[in-house]
C-alpha atoms as a PDB file:
ATOM      1  CA  UNK A   1     130.156 137.150  82.861  1.00  0.00           C
ATOM      2  CA  UNK A   2     130.745 134.110  85.096  1.00  0.00           C
ATOM      3  CA  UNK A   3     132.240 130.823  83.866  1.00  0.00           C
ATOM      4  CA  UNK A   4     128.971 129.078  84.749  1.00  0.00           C
ATOM      5  CA  UNK A   5     127.007 131.444  82.516  1.00  0.00           C
ATOM      6  CA  UNK A   6     129.442 130.933  79.650  1.00  0.00           C
ATOM      7  CA  UNK A   7     129.037 127.156  79.998  1.00  0.00           C
ATOM      8  CA  UNK A   8     125.244 127.534  80.054  1.00  0.00           C
ATOM      9  CA  UNK A   9     125.336 129.740  76.939  1.00  0.00           C
ATOM     10  CA  UNK A  10     127.495 127.138  75.082  1.00  0.00           C
ATOM     11  CA  UNK A  11     125.513 124.022  76.025  1.00  0.00           C
ATOM     12  CA  UNK A  12     122.303 124.688  78.022  1.00  0.00           C
ATOM     13  CA  UNK A  13     121.145 121.058  77.937  1.00  0.00           C
ATOM     14  CA  UNK A  14     124.407 119.746  79.427  1.00  0.00           C
ATOM     15  CA  UNK A  15     124.362 122.376  82.179  1.00  0.00           C
ATOM     16  CA  UNK A  16     120.688 121.678  82.953  1.00  0.00           C
ATOM     17  CA  UNK A  17     121.372 117.954  83.266  1.00  0.00           C
ATOM     18  CA  UNK A  18     124.090 118.697  85.849  1.00  0.00           C
ATOM     19  CA  UNK A  19     121.387 120.085  88.167  1.00  0.00           C
ATOM     20  CA  UNK A  20     119.258 116.898  88.127  1.00  0.00           C
ATOM     21  CA  UNK A  21     119.747 114.236  90.795  1.00  0.00           C
ATOM     22  CA  UNK A  22     121.362 111.034  89.568  1.00  0.00           C
ATOM     23  CA  UNK A  23     119.419 107.824  88.981  1.00  0.00           C
ATOM     24  CA  UNK A  24     120.768 106.045  92.057  1.00  0.00           C
ATOM     25  CA  UNK A  25     120.026 108.924  94.445  1.00  0.00           C
ATOM     26  CA  UNK A  26     116.558 109.385  92.933  1.00  0.00           C
ATOM     27  CA  UNK A  27     115.773 105.678  93.369  1.00  0.00           C
ATOM     28  CA  UNK A  28     116.917 105.801  97.003  1.00  0.00           C
ATOM     29  CA  UNK A  29     114.814 108.924  97.677  1.00  0.00           C
ATOM     30  CA  UNK A  30     111.693 107.441  96.069  1.00  0.00           C
ATOM     31  CA  UNK A  31     112.128 104.154  97.952  1.00  0.00           C
ATOM     32  CA  UNK A  32     112.403 106.000 101.284  1.00  0.00           C
ATOM     33  CA  UNK A  33     109.362 108.138 100.471  1.00  0.00           C
ATOM     34  CA  UNK A  34     107.323 105.056  99.604  1.00  0.00           C
ATOM     35  CA  UNK A  35     108.364 103.188 102.765  1.00  0.00           C
ATOM     36  CA  UNK A  36     107.540 106.180 104.963  1.00  0.00           C
ATOM     37  CA  UNK A  37     104.188 106.678 103.182  1.00  0.00           C
ATOM     38  CA  UNK A  38     102.928 103.117 103.817  1.00  0.00           C
ATOM     39  CA  UNK A  39     100.448 102.399 106.584  1.00  0.00           C
ATOM     40  CA  UNK A  40     101.088  99.404 108.853  1.00  0.00           C
ATOM     41  CA  UNK A  41      98.359  96.931 109.762  1.00  0.00           C
ATOM     42  CA  UNK A  42      98.745  97.862 113.450  1.00  0.00           C
ATOM     43  CA  UNK A  43      98.794 101.634 112.922  1.00  0.00           C
ATOM     44  CA  UNK A  44      96.677 103.972 115.021  1.00  0.00           C
ATOM     45  CA  UNK A  45      95.263 107.180 113.617  1.00  0.00           C
ATOM     46  CA  UNK A  46      94.366 110.539 115.042  1.00  0.00           C
ATOM     47  CA  UNK A  47      91.535 110.061 117.548  1.00  0.00           C
ATOM     48  CA  UNK A  48      92.267 106.348 118.121  1.00  0.00           C
ATOM     49  CA  UNK A  49      93.829 104.387 120.986  1.00  0.00           C
ATOM     50  CA  UNK A  50      94.968 100.769 121.238  1.00  0.00           C
ATOM     51  CA  UNK A  51      92.401  99.042 123.373  1.00  0.00           C
ATOM     52  CA  UNK A  52      91.225 100.398 126.680  1.00  0.00           C
ATOM     53  CA  UNK A  53      91.093 103.800 128.269  1.00  0.00           C
ATOM     54  CA  UNK A  54      93.972 103.117 130.640  1.00  0.00           C
ATOM     55  CA  UNK A  55      95.789 106.344 129.734  1.00  0.00           C
ATOM     56  CA  UNK A  56      93.595 108.292 132.163  1.00  0.00           C
ATOM     57  CA  UNK A  57      90.932 107.557 134.730  1.00  0.00           C
ATOM     58  CA  UNK A  58      89.310 111.001 134.445  1.00  0.00           C
ATOM     59  CA  UNK A  59      85.868 110.860 132.841  1.00  0.00           C
ATOM     60  CA  UNK A  60      86.171 114.330 131.255  1.00  0.00           C
ATOM     61  CA  UNK A  61      89.207 113.636 129.064  1.00  0.00           C
ATOM     62  CA  UNK A  62      87.899 110.176 128.137  1.00  0.00           C
ATOM     63  CA  UNK A  63      84.570 111.644 126.976  1.00  0.00           C
ATOM     64  CA  UNK A  64      86.323 114.436 125.075  1.00  0.00           C
ATOM     65  CA  UNK A  65      88.568 111.903 123.335  1.00  0.00           C
ATOM     66  CA  UNK A  66      85.547 109.812 122.325  1.00  0.00           C
ATOM     67  CA  UNK A  67      83.770 112.927 120.969  1.00  0.00           C
ATOM     68  CA  UNK A  68      86.922 113.855 119.050  1.00  0.00           C
ATOM     69  CA  UNK A  69      87.079 110.399 117.473  1.00  0.00           C
ATOM     70  CA  UNK A  70      83.394 110.570 116.498  1.00  0.00           C
ATOM     71  CA  UNK A  71      83.930 114.030 114.981  1.00  0.00           C
ATOM     72  CA  UNK A  72      86.772 112.645 112.864  1.00  0.00           C
ATOM     73  CA  UNK A  73      84.516 109.804 111.671  1.00  0.00           C
ATOM     74  CA  UNK A  74      81.869 112.387 110.669  1.00  0.00           C
ATOM     75  CA  UNK A  75      84.472 114.410 108.796  1.00  0.00           C
ATOM     76  CA  UNK A  76      85.516 111.344 106.856  1.00  0.00           C
ATOM     77  CA  UNK A  77      81.889 110.576 105.983  1.00  0.00           C
ATOM     78  CA  UNK A  78      81.408 114.147 104.740  1.00  0.00           C
ATOM     79  CA  UNK A  79      84.562 113.912 102.613  1.00  0.00           C
ATOM     80  CA  UNK A  80      83.322 110.632 101.083  1.00  0.00           C
ATOM     81  CA  UNK A  81      79.916 112.228 100.371  1.00  0.00           C
ATOM     82  CA  UNK A  82      81.550 115.212  98.681  1.00  0.00           C
ATOM     83  CA  UNK A  83      83.822 112.936  96.645  1.00  0.00           C
ATOM     84  CA  UNK A  84      80.739 111.006  95.420  1.00  0.00           C
ATOM     85  CA  UNK A  85      78.682 114.130  94.662  1.00  0.00           C
ATOM     86  CA  UNK A  86      78.332 114.552  90.884  1.00  0.00           C
ATOM     87  CA  UNK A  87      77.925 118.335  91.225  1.00  0.00           C
ATOM     88  CA  UNK A  88      81.377 118.580  92.813  1.00  0.00           C
ATOM     89  CA  UNK A  89      83.302 116.699  90.103  1.00  0.00           C
ATOM     90  CA  UNK A  90      85.697 119.605  89.799  1.00  0.00           C
ATOM     91  CA  UNK A  91      87.181 118.301  93.056  1.00  0.00           C
ATOM     92  CA  UNK A  92      88.801 115.472  91.109  1.00  0.00           C
ATOM     93  CA  UNK A  93      90.965 117.436  88.701  1.00  0.00           C
ATOM     94  CA  UNK A  94      92.553 115.973  85.584  1.00  0.00           C
ATOM     95  CA  UNK A  95      93.760 112.808  87.368  1.00  0.00           C
ATOM     96  CA  UNK A  96      90.175 111.857  88.365  1.00  0.00           C
ATOM     97  CA  UNK A  97      91.301 111.017  91.902  1.00  0.00           C
ATOM     98  CA  UNK A  98      89.072 111.833  94.888  1.00  0.00           C
ATOM     99  CA  UNK A  99      90.357 113.959  97.747  1.00  0.00           C
ATOM    100  CA  UNK A 100      91.553 111.623 100.499  1.00  0.00           C
ATOM    101  CA  UNK A 101      94.442 113.387 102.202  1.00  0.00           C
ATOM    102  CA  UNK A 102      92.576 114.285 105.378  1.00  0.00           C
ATOM    103  CA  UNK A 103      90.682 111.027 105.813  1.00  0.00           C
ATOM    104  CA  UNK A 104      91.206 110.098 109.469  1.00  0.00           C
ATOM    105  CA  UNK A 105      91.636 106.404 108.624  1.00  0.00           C
ATOM    106  CA  UNK A 106      93.327 104.168 106.120  1.00  0.00           C
ATOM    107  CA  UNK A 107      93.791 100.584 105.081  1.00  0.00           C
ATOM    108  CA  UNK A 108      97.169  98.883 105.173  1.00  0.00           C
ATOM    109  CA  UNK A 109      99.655  99.830 102.480  1.00  0.00           C
ATOM    110  CA  UNK A 110     100.246 102.867 100.286  1.00  0.00           C
ATOM    111  CA  UNK A 111      96.821 104.568 100.218  1.00  0.00           C
ATOM    112  CA  UNK A 112      97.412 108.337 100.076  1.00  0.00           C
ATOM    113  CA  UNK A 113      95.142 108.815 103.088  1.00  0.00           C
ATOM    114  CA  UNK A 114      95.015 108.654 106.865  1.00  0.00           C
ATOM    115  CA  UNK A 115      96.214 111.094 109.503  1.00  0.00           C
END
C-alpha cells in the first residue's frame, strides 16, 4: 500500500532502473577498483622484504621469516601444479581461468594474483 509499491506495480522497469548506479559513478568505481588492483613493479609480497635483514638482528626471527617465505613459494608451486593437472579441470569453471588468488607473488599490472 505504499507509494513506492504503486509506482513499482505501474512501471517495474522504470523503478528498477532507479536502483542502478549511474554511468558516471559506475565508471569512477570501476576505475578506482582497477587502480587499487594493480601491482607495482616495486611491490613486496607476503613473506618478502626489500633487501637485507636489517629489521632485526635476532637469528630466530630471521630464520622463521625465511622458512615462511619458502613455505609460500611451495604453496604457489602446488597451486600451479593443481591448475595444470588435467584431472582437476573442474577447478577452472566455465570461464576456463586457473585459480590464482592466493599466489604469493605477481607480475606488474592487473594480474588477479599476489598477496
